[in-house]
Amino acid sequence: MPQHAQITRVCRDCDGFATAAITTGTRHRDGTRVTLRVTCPACKGTGRTTPAGVVRAGR
């Protein structure tokens, strides 16, 4: 009998790819490339959305 996977809510803004490494084209002195690490602002790098009732509101 097939097993059913759990349904996870994937972030609609990043489609689950929450972190991206962007190469700038310049190099460090040791020869490695300069990269920028960017996270999705909507899910804060988790790749998943939280249900509406679970979201914590700050004061």
C-alpha atoms as a PDB file:
ATOM      1  CA  MET A   1       0.000   0.000   0.000  1.00  0.00           C
ATOM      2  CA  PRO A   2       1.475   3.412  -0.931  1.00  0.00           C
ATOM      3  CA  GLN A   3       2.433   5.807   1.814  1.00  0.00           C
ATOM      4  CA  HIS A   4       1.011   9.303   1.661  1.00  0.00           C
ATOM      5  CA  ALA A   5       3.381  12.209   2.204  1.00  0.00           C
ATOM      6  CA  GLN A   6       2.437  14.913   4.659  1.00  0.00           C
ATOM      7  CA  ILE A   7       1.143  18.084   3.086  1.00  0.00           C
ATOM      8  CA  THR A   8       3.514  20.949   3.831  1.00  0.00           C
ATOM      9  CA  ARG A   9       2.637  24.513   3.041  1.00  0.00           C
ATOM     10  CA  VAL A  10       5.310  25.792   0.681  1.00  0.00           C
ATOM     11  CA  CYS A  11       5.967  29.524   0.660  1.00  0.00           C
ATOM     12  CA  ARG A  12       4.269  31.054  -2.384  1.00  0.00           C
ATOM     13  CA  ASP A  13       6.937  33.745  -2.752  1.00  0.00           C
ATOM     14  CA  CYS A  14       9.999  31.480  -3.005  1.00  0.00           C
ATOM     15  CA  ASP A  15       8.413  28.079  -3.893  1.00  0.00           C
ATOM     16  CA  GLY A  16      10.366  26.365  -1.105  1.00  0.00           C
ATOM     17  CA  PHE A  17      13.787  27.645  -2.191  1.00  0.00           C
ATOM     18  CA  ALA A  18      14.162  30.031   0.716  1.00  0.00           C
ATOM     19  CA  THR A  19      17.887  30.775   0.491  1.00  0.00           C
ATOM     20  CA  ALA A  20      19.845  31.706  -2.619  1.00  0.00           C
ATOM     21  CA  ALA A  21      23.586  32.201  -3.083  1.00  0.00           C
ATOM     22  CA  ILE A  22      24.359  34.905  -5.630  1.00  0.00           C
ATOM     23  CA  THR A  23      27.831  35.164  -7.131  1.00  0.00           C
ATOM     24  CA  THR A  24      28.894  38.761  -7.763  1.00  0.00           C
ATOM     25  CA  GLY A  25      31.688  38.009 -10.223  1.00  0.00           C
ATOM     26  CA  THR A  26      34.458  39.541  -8.121  1.00  0.00           C
ATOM     27  CA  ARG A  27      37.021  37.473  -6.253  1.00  0.00           C
ATOM     28  CA  HIS A  28      38.668  37.524  -2.845  1.00  0.00           C
ATOM     29  CA  ARG A  29      42.467  37.688  -2.559  1.00  0.00           C
ATOM     30  CA  ASP A  30      42.640  33.909  -2.159  1.00  0.00           C
ATOM     31  CA  GLY A  31      40.799  33.378  -5.463  1.00  0.00           C
ATOM     32  CA  THR A  32      37.378  32.401  -4.148  1.00  0.00           C
ATOM     33  CA  ARG A  33      34.335  34.193  -5.517  1.00  0.00           C
ATOM     34  CA  VAL A  34      32.369  36.749  -3.517  1.00  0.00           C
ATOM     35  CA  THR A  35      28.853  35.430  -2.862  1.00  0.00           C
ATOM     36  CA  LEU A  36      25.817  37.014  -1.256  1.00  0.00           C
ATOM     37  CA  ARG A  37      23.374  34.905   0.739  1.00  0.00           C
ATOM     38  CA  VAL A  38      19.778  36.079   0.386  1.00  0.00           C
ATOM     39  CA  THR A  39      16.788  34.695   2.300  1.00  0.00           C
ATOM     40  CA  CYS A  40      13.107  35.022   1.452  1.00  0.00           C
ATOM     41  CA  PRO A  41      11.556  37.866   3.487  1.00  0.00           C
ATOM     42  CA  ALA A  42       8.084  36.279   3.459  1.00  0.00           C
ATOM     43  CA  CYS A  43       9.024  32.985   5.170  1.00  0.00           C
ATOM     44  CA  LYS A  44      12.272  34.227   6.766  1.00  0.00           C
ATOM     45  CA  GLY A  45      14.343  31.432   5.205  1.00  0.00           C
ATOM     46  CA  THR A  46      12.240  28.440   6.265  1.00  0.00           C
ATOM     47  CA  GLY A  47      10.625  27.691   2.894  1.00  0.00           C
ATOM     48  CA  ARG A  48       7.253  27.051   4.504  1.00  0.00           C
ATOM     49  CA  THR A  49       4.349  29.238   5.442  1.00  0.00           C
ATOM     50  CA  THR A  50       2.704  29.097   8.828  1.00  0.00           C
ATOM     51  CA  PRO A  51      -1.055  28.680   9.186  1.00  0.00           C
ATOM     52  CA  ALA A  52      -2.910  31.932   9.897  1.00  0.00           C
ATOM     53  CA  GLY A  53      -3.799  30.925  13.461  1.00  0.00           C
ATOM     54  CA  VAL A  54      -0.195  30.151  14.431  1.00  0.00           C
ATOM     55  CA  VAL A  55       1.387  33.464  13.449  1.00  0.00           C
ATOM     56  CA  ARG A  56       2.720  35.335  16.475  1.00  0.00           C
ATOM     57  CA  ALA A  57       2.049  39.034  16.650  1.00  0.00           C
ATOM     58  CA  GLY A  58       4.619  41.208  18.359  1.00  0.00           C
ATOM     59  CA  ARG A  59       3.804  43.962  20.763  1.00  0.00           C
END
